[in-house]
C-alpha atoms as a PDB file:
ATOM      1  CA  MET A   1       8.793  21.420 -13.646  1.00  0.00           C
ATOM      2  CA  SER A   2      10.890  19.391 -16.273  1.00  0.00           C
ATOM      3  CA  SER A   3      10.443  15.734 -16.591  1.00  0.00           C
ATOM      4  CA  ALA A   4      14.101  15.178 -15.364  1.00  0.00           C
ATOM      5  CA  ALA A   5      13.522  17.309 -12.371  1.00  0.00           C
ATOM      6  CA  SER A   6      10.303  15.619 -11.486  1.00  0.00           C
ATOM      7  CA  ASP A   7      11.901  12.225 -11.805  1.00  0.00           C
ATOM      8  CA  LEU A   8      14.703  13.392  -9.437  1.00  0.00           C
ATOM      9  CA  LEU A   9      12.368  14.640  -7.006  1.00  0.00           C
ATOM     10  CA  TYR A  10      10.379  11.348  -7.008  1.00  0.00           C
ATOM     11  CA  GLN A  11      13.608   9.338  -6.527  1.00  0.00           C
ATOM     12  CA  GLU A  12      14.505  11.382  -3.480  1.00  0.00           C
ATOM     13  CA  GLN A  13      10.948  10.888  -2.094  1.00  0.00           C
ATOM     14  CA  GLU A  14      11.211   7.218  -2.695  1.00  0.00           C
ATOM     15  CA  LYS A  15      14.554   7.068  -0.785  1.00  0.00           C
ATOM     16  CA  LEU A  16      12.847   8.597   2.199  1.00  0.00           C
ATOM     17  CA  ILE A  17       9.921   6.203   2.016  1.00  0.00           C
ATOM     18  CA  VAL A  18      12.186   3.225   1.721  1.00  0.00           C
ATOM     19  CA  GLN A  19      14.231   4.431   4.763  1.00  0.00           C
ATOM     20  CA  ARG A  20      11.008   4.880   6.768  1.00  0.00           C
ATOM     21  CA  GLY A  21       9.795   1.507   5.700  1.00  0.00           C
ATOM     22  CA  GLU A  22      13.010  -0.063   6.901  1.00  0.00           C
ATOM     23  CA  LEU A  23      12.595   1.679  10.221  1.00  0.00           C
ATOM     24  CA  GLU A  24       9.078   0.613  10.650  1.00  0.00           C
ATOM     25  CA  GLU A  25      10.082  -3.100   9.884  1.00  0.00           C
ATOM     26  CA  THR A  26      12.417  -2.871  12.996  1.00  0.00           C
ATOM     27  CA  LEU A  27       9.720  -1.551  15.175  1.00  0.00           C
ATOM     28  CA  ILE A  28       7.308  -4.425  14.599  1.00  0.00           C
ATOM     29  CA  SER A  29       7.754  -7.457  16.721  1.00  0.00           C
ATOM     30  CA  ASN A  30       4.381  -8.925  17.610  1.00  0.00           C
ATOM     31  CA  VAL A  31       3.744 -10.653  14.222  1.00  0.00           C
ATOM     32  CA  THR A  32       1.341 -13.599  13.540  1.00  0.00           C
ATOM     33  CA  PRO A  33      -0.083 -14.982  10.341  1.00  0.00           C
ATOM     34  CA  LEU A  34      -3.578 -13.790   9.391  1.00  0.00           C
ATOM     35  CA  GLU A  35      -5.588 -16.964  10.102  1.00  0.00           C
ATOM     36  CA  ALA A  36      -9.097 -17.814   9.020  1.00  0.00           C
ATOM     37  CA  PRO A  37     -11.339 -17.777  12.227  1.00  0.00           C
ATOM     38  CA  LYS A  38     -13.865 -20.342  12.911  1.00  0.00           C
ATOM     39  CA  ILE A  39     -17.432 -19.438  13.117  1.00  0.00           C
ATOM     40  CA  LYS A  40     -20.637 -21.235  13.953  1.00  0.00           C
ATOM     41  CA  ILE A  41     -23.766 -20.841  11.949  1.00  0.00           C
ATOM     42  CA  ARG A  42     -26.970 -21.115  14.038  1.00  0.00           C
ATOM     43  CA  GLY A  43     -28.871 -24.190  13.069  1.00  0.00           C
ATOM     44  CA  ALA A  44     -25.868 -25.639  10.957  1.00  0.00           C
ATOM     45  CA  GLY A  45     -25.212 -28.158  13.737  1.00  0.00           C
ATOM     46  CA  LYS A  46     -21.413 -27.745  13.594  1.00  0.00           C
ATOM     47  CA  ALA A  47     -18.731 -25.177  13.517  1.00  0.00           C
ATOM     48  CA  ARG A  48     -17.788 -23.948  10.010  1.00  0.00           C
ATOM     49  CA  GLY A  49     -14.373 -22.474   9.386  1.00  0.00           C
ATOM     50  CA  PHE A  50     -13.215 -20.077   6.766  1.00  0.00           C
ATOM     51  CA  GLY A  51     -10.951 -22.875   5.555  1.00  0.00           C
ATOM     52  CA  LYS A  52     -14.050 -24.908   4.467  1.00  0.00           C
ATOM     53  CA  ALA A  53     -15.270 -24.671   0.843  1.00  0.00           C
ATOM     54  CA  SER A  54     -18.228 -22.242   0.794  1.00  0.00           C
ATOM     55  CA  SER A  55     -21.756 -23.589   0.294  1.00  0.00           C
ATOM     56  CA  SER A  56     -23.535 -22.395  -2.755  1.00  0.00           C
ATOM     57  CA  SER A  57     -26.782 -22.072  -0.705  1.00  0.00           C
ATOM     58  CA  SER A  58     -27.974 -18.479  -0.675  1.00  0.00           C
ATOM     59  CA  ASN A  59     -29.313 -18.750   2.846  1.00  0.00           C
ATOM     60  CA  ASN A  60     -26.055 -20.294   4.066  1.00  0.00           C
ATOM     61  CA  ASN A  61     -23.986 -17.472   2.401  1.00  0.00           C
ATOM     62  CA  LYS A  62     -26.156 -14.887   4.079  1.00  0.00           C
ATOM     63  CA  ALA A  63     -25.821 -16.431   7.398  1.00  0.00           C
ATOM     64  CA  GLU A  64     -22.034 -16.852   7.020  1.00  0.00           C
ATOM     65  CA  GLY A  65     -21.746 -13.339   5.628  1.00  0.00           C
ATOM     66  CA  LYS A  66     -23.373 -11.877   8.746  1.00  0.00           C
ATOM     67  CA  GLU A  67     -20.960 -13.760  10.982  1.00  0.00           C
ATOM     68  CA  TYR A  68     -17.858 -12.902   8.999  1.00  0.00           C
ATOM     69  CA  ALA A  69     -19.069  -9.201   8.986  1.00  0.00           C
ATOM     70  CA  LYS A  70     -18.926  -9.217  12.741  1.00  0.00           C
ATOM     71  CA  VAL A  71     -15.276 -10.222  12.753  1.00  0.00           C
ATOM     72  CA  LEU A  72     -14.548  -7.773   9.949  1.00  0.00           C
ATOM     73  CA  LYS A  73     -16.110  -4.878  11.760  1.00  0.00           C
ATOM     74  CA  LYS A  74     -14.356  -5.694  14.958  1.00  0.00           C
ATOM     75  CA  GLU A  75     -10.890  -6.446  13.708  1.00  0.00           C
ATOM     76  CA  GLY A  76     -10.780  -4.479  10.550  1.00  0.00           C
ATOM     77  CA  VAL A  77      -9.564  -7.495   8.536  1.00  0.00           C
ATOM     78  CA  VAL A  78     -10.588 -11.020   8.017  1.00  0.00           C
ATOM     79  CA  ARG A  79      -9.337 -13.993   6.016  1.00  0.00           C
ATOM     80  CA  ILE A  80     -11.578 -16.277   3.913  1.00  0.00           C
ATOM     81  CA  ASP A  81     -10.035 -19.384   2.352  1.00  0.00           C
ATOM     82  CA  ASN A  82     -11.084 -21.121  -1.010  1.00  0.00           C
ATOM     83  CA  VAL A  83     -12.471 -18.073  -2.486  1.00  0.00           C
ATOM     84  CA  LEU A  84     -11.122 -19.044  -5.883  1.00  0.00           C
ATOM     85  CA  SER A  85     -10.484 -22.524  -6.986  1.00  0.00           C
ATOM     86  CA  SER A  86      -6.807 -23.374  -7.642  1.00  0.00           C
ATOM     87  CA  GLU A  87      -7.562 -23.762 -11.463  1.00  0.00           C
ATOM     88  CA  THR A  88      -9.243 -20.232 -11.606  1.00  0.00           C
ATOM     89  CA  ALA A  89      -6.468 -18.589  -9.624  1.00  0.00           C
ATOM     90  CA  ASP A  90      -3.799 -20.127 -11.934  1.00  0.00           C
ATOM     91  CA  ALA A  91      -5.794 -19.099 -15.134  1.00  0.00           C
ATOM     92  CA  LEU A  92      -6.529 -15.618 -13.911  1.00  0.00           C
ATOM     93  CA  ARG A  93      -2.828 -15.119 -12.968  1.00  0.00           C
ATOM     94  CA  GLU A  94      -1.694 -16.277 -16.426  1.00  0.00           C
ATOM     95  CA  TYR A  95      -4.273 -13.929 -18.089  1.00  0.00           C
ATOM     96  CA  LEU A  96      -3.223 -10.869 -15.942  1.00  0.00           C
ATOM     97  CA  TYR A  97       0.560 -11.313 -16.561  1.00  0.00           C
ATOM     98  CA  ALA A  98       0.029 -11.559 -20.250  1.00  0.00           C
ATOM     99  CA  LEU A  99      -2.207  -8.439 -19.980  1.00  0.00           C
ATOM    100  CA  ARG A 100       0.622  -6.645 -18.105  1.00  0.00           C
ATOM    101  CA  ARG A 101       3.106  -7.443 -20.761  1.00  0.00           C
ATOM    102  CA  LYS A 102       0.886  -6.355 -23.450  1.00  0.00           C
ATOM    103  CA  SER A 103       0.012  -3.134 -21.706  1.00  0.00           C
ATOM    104  CA  GLU A 104       3.795  -2.330 -20.907  1.00  0.00           C
ATOM    105  CA  SER A 105       4.448  -2.746 -24.648  1.00  0.00           C
ATOM    106  CA  GLU A 106       1.531  -0.547 -25.705  1.00  0.00           C
ATOM    107  CA  VAL A 107       2.742   2.211 -23.265  1.00  0.00           C
ATOM    108  CA  GLU A 108       6.376   1.921 -24.474  1.00  0.00           C
ATOM    109  CA  GLU A 109       5.162   2.191 -28.063  1.00  0.00           C
ATOM    110  CA  GLY A 110       3.014   5.322 -27.318  1.00  0.00           C
ATOM    111  CA  LYS A 111      -0.332   3.632 -28.238  1.00  0.00           C
ATOM    112  CA  ILE A 112      -1.732   4.316 -24.870  1.00  0.00           C
ATOM    113  CA  GLN A 113      -0.993   6.408 -21.753  1.00  0.00           C
ATOM    114  CA  PRO A 114       0.068   4.627 -18.644  1.00  0.00           C
ATOM    115  CA  ILE A 115      -2.861   5.754 -16.749  1.00  0.00           C
ATOM    116  CA  GLN A 116      -5.143   3.795 -19.174  1.00  0.00           C
ATOM    117  CA  ARG A 117      -3.706   0.479 -17.803  1.00  0.00           C
ATOM    118  CA  PHE A 118      -1.776   1.323 -14.629  1.00  0.00           C
ATOM    119  CA  ALA A 119      -2.905   3.070 -11.361  1.00  0.00           C
ATOM    120  CA  ASP A 120      -0.432   4.964  -9.165  1.00  0.00           C
ATOM    121  CA  VAL A 121       1.130   2.839  -6.570  1.00  0.00           C
ATOM    122  CA  LEU A 122       3.379   3.508  -3.519  1.00  0.00           C
ATOM    123  CA  LEU A 123       6.979   2.664  -4.596  1.00  0.00           C
ATOM    124  CA  LYS A 124       6.783   1.924  -8.240  1.00  0.00           C
ATOM    125  CA  GLN A 125      10.033   0.042  -8.762  1.00  0.00           C
ATOM    126  CA  ASN A 126       9.322  -3.660  -9.319  1.00  0.00           C
ATOM    127  CA  ARG A 127       5.673  -3.072  -8.290  1.00  0.00           C
ATOM    128  CA  CYS A 128       2.614  -2.196 -10.450  1.00  0.00           C
ATOM    129  CA  ASP A 129      -1.096  -1.840 -10.063  1.00  0.00           C
ATOM    130  CA  LEU A 130      -2.664  -3.164 -13.278  1.00  0.00           C
ATOM    131  CA  THR A 131      -6.351  -2.219 -13.774  1.00  0.00           C
ATOM    132  CA  VAL A 132      -8.444  -5.105 -14.877  1.00  0.00           C
ATOM    133  CA  PRO A 133     -11.039  -5.101 -17.666  1.00  0.00           C
ATOM    134  CA  MET A 134     -14.403  -6.798 -17.241  1.00  0.00           C
ATOM    135  CA  GLY A 135     -16.044  -9.056 -19.771  1.00  0.00           C
ATOM    136  CA  ASP A 136     -13.254 -11.780 -20.396  1.00  0.00           C
ATOM    137  CA  ASP A 137     -14.307 -15.302 -19.470  1.00  0.00           C
ATOM    138  CA  ILE A 138     -11.678 -15.825 -16.810  1.00  0.00           C
ATOM    139  CA  VAL A 139     -12.434 -12.523 -14.980  1.00  0.00           C
ATOM    140  CA  THR A 140     -16.071 -13.287 -15.053  1.00  0.00           C
ATOM    141  CA  LYS A 141     -15.459 -16.706 -13.499  1.00  0.00           C
ATOM    142  CA  ALA A 142     -13.323 -15.171 -10.815  1.00  0.00           C
ATOM    143  CA  LEU A 143     -16.018 -12.643 -10.079  1.00  0.00           C
ATOM    144  CA  ASP A 144     -18.635 -15.402  -9.921  1.00  0.00           C
ATOM    145  CA  GLU A 145     -16.593 -17.569  -7.457  1.00  0.00           C
ATOM    146  CA  SER A 146     -15.779 -14.627  -5.177  1.00  0.00           C
ATOM    147  CA  LEU A 147     -18.915 -12.625  -5.171  1.00  0.00           C
ATOM    148  CA  ARG A 148     -21.675 -15.195  -5.656  1.00  0.00           C
ATOM    149  CA  VAL A 149     -20.287 -18.640  -4.655  1.00  0.00           C
ATOM    150  CA  SER A 150     -18.095 -17.439  -1.720  1.00  0.00           C
ATOM    151  CA  PRO A 151     -19.484 -15.506   1.194  1.00  0.00           C
ATOM    152  CA  ILE A 152     -17.737 -12.257   0.051  1.00  0.00           C
ATOM    153  CA  GLY A 153     -20.854 -10.771  -1.629  1.00  0.00           C
ATOM    154  CA  ALA A 154     -22.965 -11.607   1.407  1.00  0.00           C
ATOM    155  CA  ILE A 155     -20.368  -9.959   3.702  1.00  0.00           C
ATOM    156  CA  LEU A 156     -20.378  -6.751   1.694  1.00  0.00           C
ATOM    157  CA  SER A 157     -23.968  -6.681   1.361  1.00  0.00           C
ATOM    158  CA  SER A 158     -24.664  -7.217   5.010  1.00  0.00           C
ATOM    159  CA  ILE A 159     -22.637  -4.074   5.771  1.00  0.00           C
ATOM    160  CA  PHE A 160     -23.214  -1.738   2.889  1.00  0.00           C
ATOM    161  CA  GLY A 161     -26.351  -3.235   1.289  1.00  0.00           C
ATOM    162  CA  GLU A 162     -26.881  -4.216  -2.360  1.00  0.00           C
ATOM    163  CA  ASP A 163     -26.295  -0.604  -3.503  1.00  0.00           C
ATOM    164  CA  ALA A 164     -22.637  -0.804  -2.574  1.00  0.00           C
ATOM    165  CA  VAL A 165     -20.585   0.609  -5.495  1.00  0.00           C
ATOM    166  CA  LEU A 166     -17.651  -1.019  -7.264  1.00  0.00           C
ATOM    167  CA  HIS A 167     -14.822   1.320  -6.502  1.00  0.00           C
ATOM    168  CA  GLU A 168     -11.656  -0.539  -7.603  1.00  0.00           C
ATOM    169  CA  PHE A 169     -10.992  -3.404  -9.858  1.00  0.00           C
ATOM    170  CA  SER A 170      -7.265  -4.156 -10.390  1.00  0.00           C
ATOM    171  CA  CYS A 171      -4.210  -6.322  -9.724  1.00  0.00           C
ATOM    172  CA  LEU A 172      -1.354  -5.650  -7.589  1.00  0.00           C
ATOM    173  CA  MET A 173       1.916  -7.178  -8.732  1.00  0.00           C
ATOM    174  CA  SER A 174       5.077  -7.243  -6.549  1.00  0.00           C
ATOM    175  CA  ASP A 175       8.293  -8.429  -8.265  1.00  0.00           C
ATOM    176  CA  PRO A 176      11.544  -9.532  -6.587  1.00  0.00           C
ATOM    177  CA  GLY A 177      13.346  -6.295  -5.520  1.00  0.00           C
ATOM    178  CA  SER A 178      10.281  -4.325  -4.585  1.00  0.00           C
ATOM    179  CA  GLN A 179      10.800  -2.389  -1.337  1.00  0.00           C
ATOM    180  CA  ARG A 180       8.646  -2.347   1.729  1.00  0.00           C
ATOM    181  CA  GLN A 181       5.933   0.388   1.713  1.00  0.00           C
ATOM    182  CA  VAL A 182       5.351   2.622   4.645  1.00  0.00           C
ATOM    183  CA  ILE A 183       2.412   1.756   6.971  1.00  0.00           C
ATOM    184  CA  HIS A 184      -0.668   3.738   5.941  1.00  0.00           C
ATOM    185  CA  PRO A 185      -4.455   3.694   5.834  1.00  0.00           C
ATOM    186  CA  ASP A 186      -6.118   3.919   2.393  1.00  0.00           C
ATOM    187  CA  THR A 187      -8.791   6.322   3.659  1.00  0.00           C
ATOM    188  CA  PRO A 188      -8.792   8.688   6.750  1.00  0.00           C
ATOM    189  CA  PHE A 189     -10.934   8.039   9.775  1.00  0.00           C
ATOM    190  CA  ILE A 190     -13.761  10.662   9.964  1.00  0.00           C
ATOM    191  CA  GLU A 191     -15.453  11.044  13.312  1.00  0.00           C
ATOM    192  CA  GLY A 192     -19.084  10.250  13.270  1.00  0.00           C
ATOM    193  CA  LYS A 193     -18.819   8.258  10.048  1.00  0.00           C
ATOM    194  CA  GLY A 194     -18.721   4.464   9.601  1.00  0.00           C
ATOM    195  CA  PRO A 195     -16.632   2.422   7.136  1.00  0.00           C
ATOM    196  CA  VAL A 196     -16.465   3.950   3.693  1.00  0.00           C
ATOM    197  CA  LEU A 197     -14.674   1.145   1.733  1.00  0.00           C
ATOM    198  CA  TYR A 198     -13.865  -2.536   2.002  1.00  0.00           C
ATOM    199  CA  THR A 199     -11.153  -4.068  -0.160  1.00  0.00           C
ATOM    200  CA  CYS A 200     -10.763  -7.743  -1.051  1.00  0.00           C
ATOM    201  CA  PHE A 201      -7.115  -8.903  -1.716  1.00  0.00           C
ATOM    202  CA  ILE A 202      -7.247 -12.378  -3.458  1.00  0.00           C
ATOM    203  CA  ALA A 203      -3.926 -14.391  -3.775  1.00  0.00           C
ATOM    204  CA  LEU A 204      -3.336 -15.765  -7.191  1.00  0.00           C
ATOM    205  CA  GLN A 205      -0.513 -18.027  -5.768  1.00  0.00           C
ATOM    206  CA  ASP A 206       0.645 -19.053  -2.343  1.00  0.00           C
ATOM    207  CA  VAL A 207       1.976 -15.881  -0.716  1.00  0.00           C
ATOM    208  CA  THR A 208       5.096 -16.952   1.158  1.00  0.00           C
ATOM    209  CA  LEU A 209       7.030 -14.869   3.684  1.00  0.00           C
ATOM    210  CA  ASP A 210       9.707 -13.813   1.256  1.00  0.00           C
ATOM    211  CA  MET A 211       7.275 -12.653  -1.415  1.00  0.00           C
ATOM    212  CA  GLY A 212       6.237  -9.342   0.266  1.00  0.00           C
ATOM    213  CA  PRO A 213       2.908 -10.252   1.959  1.00  0.00           C
ATOM    214  CA  THR A 214       0.680  -7.432   3.146  1.00  0.00           C
ATOM    215  CA  VAL A 215       0.787  -6.697   6.887  1.00  0.00           C
ATOM    216  CA  TRP A 216      -2.243  -5.372   8.722  1.00  0.00           C
ATOM    217  CA  LEU A 217      -2.567  -3.820  12.212  1.00  0.00           C
ATOM    218  CA  PRO A 218      -5.950  -5.112  13.451  1.00  0.00           C
ATOM    219  CA  ARG A 219      -8.311  -2.797  15.290  1.00  0.00           C
ATOM    220  CA  THR A 220      -6.463   0.354  13.930  1.00  0.00           C
ATOM    221  CA  HIS A 221      -9.586   1.504  11.967  1.00  0.00           C
ATOM    222  CA  CYS A 222     -10.643   3.705  14.903  1.00  0.00           C
ATOM    223  CA  LYS A 223     -10.157   7.375  15.940  1.00  0.00           C
ATOM    224  CA  GLU A 224      -7.719   6.549  18.775  1.00  0.00           C
ATOM    225  CA  ALA A 225      -5.290   4.791  16.457  1.00  0.00           C
ATOM    226  CA  HIS A 226      -5.552   7.323  13.765  1.00  0.00           C
ATOM    227  CA  ASP A 227      -4.889  10.130  16.271  1.00  0.00           C
ATOM    228  CA  GLU A 228      -1.714   8.366  17.544  1.00  0.00           C
ATOM    229  CA  PHE A 229      -0.597   7.478  13.965  1.00  0.00           C
ATOM    230  CA  GLN A 230      -0.761  11.202  12.971  1.00  0.00           C
ATOM    231  CA  ASP A 231       1.368  12.228  15.986  1.00  0.00           C
ATOM    232  CA  THR A 232       4.922  12.151  14.628  1.00  0.00           C
ATOM    233  CA  PHE A 233       6.513  14.492  17.255  1.00  0.00           C
ATOM    234  CA  ALA A 234       9.272  12.858  19.196  1.00  0.00           C
ATOM    235  CA  SER A 235      11.135  14.715  21.954  1.00  0.00           C
ATOM    236  CA  GLU A 236      14.732  14.017  22.647  1.00  0.00           C
ATOM    237  CA  GLY A 237      15.205  10.544  24.017  1.00  0.00           C
ATOM    238  CA  SER A 238      11.630   9.391  23.323  1.00  0.00           C
ATOM    239  CA  GLU A 239       9.727   8.070  20.428  1.00  0.00           C
ATOM    240  CA  SER A 240       6.809   9.583  18.690  1.00  0.00           C
ATOM    241  CA  MET A 241       3.252   8.297  19.434  1.00  0.00           C
ATOM    242  CA  LYS A 242       3.180   6.927  15.829  1.00  0.00           C
ATOM    243  CA  ASP A 243       6.306   4.844  16.473  1.00  0.00           C
ATOM    244  CA  ALA A 244       5.017   3.688  19.765  1.00  0.00           C
ATOM    245  CA  LEU A 245       1.738   2.591  18.156  1.00  0.00           C
ATOM    246  CA  ILE A 246       3.594   0.487  15.542  1.00  0.00           C
ATOM    247  CA  ARG A 247       5.804  -1.012  18.218  1.00  0.00           C
ATOM    248  CA  LYS A 248       3.107  -2.112  20.514  1.00  0.00           C
ATOM    249  CA  GLN A 249       0.344  -2.941  18.021  1.00  0.00           C
ATOM    250  CA  PRO A 250      -0.115  -6.735  17.167  1.00  0.00           C
ATOM    251  CA  VAL A 251       0.380  -7.391  13.411  1.00  0.00           C
ATOM    252  CA  VAL A 252      -1.098 -10.022  11.218  1.00  0.00           C
ATOM    253  CA  LEU A 253       0.790 -11.155   7.903  1.00  0.00           C
ATOM    254  CA  GLY A 254      -1.042 -11.877   4.821  1.00  0.00           C
ATOM    255  CA  THR A 255       0.729 -15.177   3.884  1.00  0.00           C
ATOM    256  CA  LEU A 256      -2.333 -16.318   2.060  1.00  0.00           C
ATOM    257  CA  ALA A 257      -2.805 -19.735   0.267  1.00  0.00           C
ATOM    258  CA  LYS A 258      -3.671 -19.524  -3.427  1.00  0.00           C
ATOM    259  CA  GLY A 259      -7.299 -18.493  -3.819  1.00  0.00           C
ATOM    260  CA  SER A 260      -7.467 -17.158  -0.410  1.00  0.00           C
ATOM    261  CA  CYS A 261      -8.739 -13.586   0.466  1.00  0.00           C
ATOM    262  CA  GLY A 262      -8.021 -10.856   2.988  1.00  0.00           C
ATOM    263  CA  ILE A 263     -10.824  -8.382   3.393  1.00  0.00           C
ATOM    264  CA  PHE A 264     -10.083  -5.174   5.138  1.00  0.00           C
ATOM    265  CA  ASP A 265     -11.559  -1.848   6.040  1.00  0.00           C
ATOM    266  CA  SER A 266      -9.889   0.944   4.111  1.00  0.00           C
ATOM    267  CA  ARG A 267      -9.216   2.899   7.400  1.00  0.00           C
ATOM    268  CA  LEU A 268      -7.067   0.017   8.755  1.00  0.00           C
ATOM    269  CA  LEU A 269      -3.324   0.517   8.985  1.00  0.00           C
ATOM    270  CA  HIS A 270      -1.396  -1.742   6.592  1.00  0.00           C
ATOM    271  CA  CYS A 271       1.374  -2.005   4.078  1.00  0.00           C
ATOM    272  CA  GLY A 272       3.013  -4.157   1.457  1.00  0.00           C
ATOM    273  CA  THR A 273       6.399  -5.618   2.386  1.00  0.00           C
ATOM    274  CA  ALA A 274       9.493  -6.139   0.433  1.00  0.00           C
ATOM    275  CA  ASN A 275       9.556  -9.087  -2.187  1.00  0.00           C
ATOM    276  CA  ARG A 276      12.863 -10.786  -1.321  1.00  0.00           C
ATOM    277  CA  SER A 277      12.168 -14.067  -3.136  1.00  0.00           C
ATOM    278  CA  ALA A 278      15.389 -15.630  -4.216  1.00  0.00           C
ATOM    279  CA  ASN A 279      13.696 -17.778  -6.933  1.00  0.00           C
ATOM    280  CA  GLY A 280      12.122 -14.810  -8.828  1.00  0.00           C
ATOM    281  CA  ALA A 281       8.653 -15.327  -7.540  1.00  0.00           C
ATOM    282  CA  SER A 282       6.286 -12.347  -8.289  1.00  0.00           C
ATOM    283  CA  ARG A 283       3.285 -11.943  -5.965  1.00  0.00           C
ATOM    284  CA  ALA A 284      -0.115 -11.124  -7.600  1.00  0.00           C
ATOM    285  CA  LEU A 285      -3.236 -10.004  -5.682  1.00  0.00           C
ATOM    286  CA  PHE A 286      -6.343  -9.598  -7.739  1.00  0.00           C
ATOM    287  CA  TYR A 287      -8.500  -7.100  -5.893  1.00  0.00           C
ATOM    288  CA  PHE A 288     -11.752  -5.222  -5.907  1.00  0.00           C
ATOM    289  CA  SER A 289     -13.266  -2.744  -3.414  1.00  0.00           C
ATOM    290  CA  PHE A 290     -16.815  -1.715  -2.810  1.00  0.00           C
ATOM    291  CA  LYS A 291     -17.872   1.789  -1.483  1.00  0.00           C
ATOM    292  CA  ASN A 292     -20.572   2.657   0.974  1.00  0.00           C
ATOM    293  CA  PRO A 293     -23.406   4.095  -1.348  1.00  0.00           C
ATOM    294  CA  GLU A 294     -23.866   7.015   1.131  1.00  0.00           C
ATOM    295  CA  VAL A 295     -20.270   8.307   0.506  1.00  0.00           C
ATOM    296  CA  ALA A 296     -19.537  10.355  -2.387  1.00  0.00           C
ATOM    297  CA  TYR A 297     -15.777  10.337  -2.315  1.00  0.00           C
ATOM    298  CA  PRO A 298     -14.106   7.880   0.090  1.00  0.00           C
ATOM    299  CA  GLY A 299     -10.788   9.750   0.256  1.00  0.00           C
ATOM    300  CA  ASN A 300      -8.518   7.762  -2.054  1.00  0.00           C
ATOM    301  CA  PRO A 301      -8.007   7.644  -5.795  1.00  0.00           C
ATOM    302  CA  ALA A 302      -9.555   4.458  -7.300  1.00  0.00           C
ATOM    303  CA  SER A 303      -7.479   1.807  -8.981  1.00  0.00           C
ATOM    304  CA  ILE A 304     -10.065   1.106 -11.741  1.00  0.00           C
ATOM    305  CA  ARG A 305     -10.459   1.666 -15.546  1.00  0.00           C
ATOM    306  CA  ALA A 306     -12.283   4.934 -16.324  1.00  0.00           C
ATOM    307  CA  GLN A 307     -15.090   3.277 -18.222  1.00  0.00           C
ATOM    308  CA  LEU A 308     -15.808   0.922 -15.410  1.00  0.00           C
ATOM    309  CA  ALA A 309     -15.702   3.694 -12.823  1.00  0.00           C
ATOM    310  CA  SER A 310     -18.296   5.787 -14.727  1.00  0.00           C
ATOM    311  CA  ALA A 311     -20.581   2.851 -15.018  1.00  0.00           C
ATOM    312  CA  ASN A 312     -21.361   3.044 -11.285  1.00  0.00           C
ATOM    313  CA  VAL A 313     -21.724  -0.809 -10.895  1.00  0.00           C
ATOM    314  CA  LYS A 314     -23.711  -1.825  -7.939  1.00  0.00           C
ATOM    315  CA  LEU A 315     -23.077  -5.053  -5.837  1.00  0.00           C
ATOM    316  CA  GLY A 316     -26.619  -6.356  -6.025  1.00  0.00           C
ATOM    317  CA  GLU A 317     -26.895  -5.800  -9.896  1.00  0.00           C
ATOM    318  CA  LEU A 318     -23.448  -7.581 -10.382  1.00  0.00           C
ATOM    319  CA  VAL A 319     -24.422 -10.613  -8.171  1.00  0.00           C
ATOM    320  CA  LYS A 320     -27.823 -10.836 -10.054  1.00  0.00           C
ATOM    321  CA  ASP A 321     -26.071 -10.824 -13.326  1.00  0.00           C
ATOM    322  CA  LEU A 322     -23.688 -13.595 -12.088  1.00  0.00           C
ATOM    323  CA  GLN A 323     -26.643 -15.616 -10.827  1.00  0.00           C
ATOM    324  CA  SER A 324     -28.354 -15.375 -14.285  1.00  0.00           C
ATOM    325  CA  LEU A 325     -25.016 -16.459 -16.018  1.00  0.00           C
ATOM    326  CA  SER A 326     -24.809 -19.456 -13.663  1.00  0.00           C
ATOM    327  CA  LYS A 327     -28.209 -20.584 -14.761  1.00  0.00           C
ATOM    328  CA  GLY A 328     -27.163 -20.491 -18.468  1.00  0.00           C
ATOM    329  CA  LYS A 329     -28.982 -17.125 -19.104  1.00  0.00           C
ATOM    330  CA  ALA A 330     -27.622 -13.890 -20.436  1.00  0.00           C
ATOM    331  CA  SER A 331     -25.262 -11.757 -18.468  1.00  0.00           C
ATOM    332  CA  GLU A 332     -26.445  -8.241 -19.725  1.00  0.00           C
ATOM    333  CA  LEU A 333     -24.603  -6.218 -17.215  1.00  0.00           C
ATOM    334  CA  ILE A 334     -21.170  -7.879 -17.710  1.00  0.00           C
ATOM    335  CA  ASP A 335     -21.467  -7.983 -21.455  1.00  0.00           C
ATOM    336  CA  ARG A 336     -22.336  -4.270 -21.442  1.00  0.00           C
ATOM    337  CA  LEU A 337     -19.388  -3.465 -19.295  1.00  0.00           C
ATOM    338  CA  GLY A 338     -17.157  -5.650 -21.372  1.00  0.00           C
ATOM    339  CA  SER A 339     -18.125  -3.756 -24.497  1.00  0.00           C
ATOM    340  CA  LEU A 340     -16.856  -0.490 -22.795  1.00  0.00           C
ATOM    341  CA  MET A 341     -13.423  -1.869 -22.325  1.00  0.00           C
END
């Protein structure tokens, strides 16, 4: 197929996706913001919320991680606030947008192929998925705050263990004019199998309603929801089971504060919404996902640089390296990974 014909086919497919996304937007009615739930740590003496700054205590992180994991496994999505400091979020955002401009120039000049810097994303216009290199100071700082200081590392470890494998490492950027995606899971539900992938979306600025926040459909990471979602047949005068599911299902909206995170099961139904910002605000979500070490292929192509994917980075090793760095010692793993970029 010629490039022109391929482009035309893609444009037609995009029109259908946009139309479907607009229809789904009309079906949804029960929408609330994704809130950070309160939990109580045994022995802590008081309730602790996701909105509180995370303790650096390893024992506290483990205890919090287990409690957060309970919510995550039940709902399929959970919010954690103050994962990144405001300063780190600002610096990382500036770094990534500069990297995007440089990468786009290098692609235009023919120096690199698009796949070397950008992953495929649903509805490409005004939206990109920029794969992130490891090794730069600000990226390392963001990893340290999210995986070691915040409870995220403990949450993932409590579910998958320390051998969980880094599957994605990227940044989703949604510019004004980007269209609403269709609702979808990132991976299929496989009967008899547990979760295969957890993804962490970290907001690098406040995500307001008009900036295209993610919507998640809690508790749809199950067989029943997936069976209904796959049934698109609609007889005359009635709607499909898929549309009925979307209509009746409660929805939570990822209007996250800067530095906050939404962690979700890859089987959960979700989508990115349209960025209708009138003041030109672009939304950036730094994200990474970790894979169940017992799963060979989770069912979705990974948004990650090839060199990083082939390194088979494990959660426990990465956290251990960050702990070493926090004590002023060498970070051998991160330095090695950085040299591959």
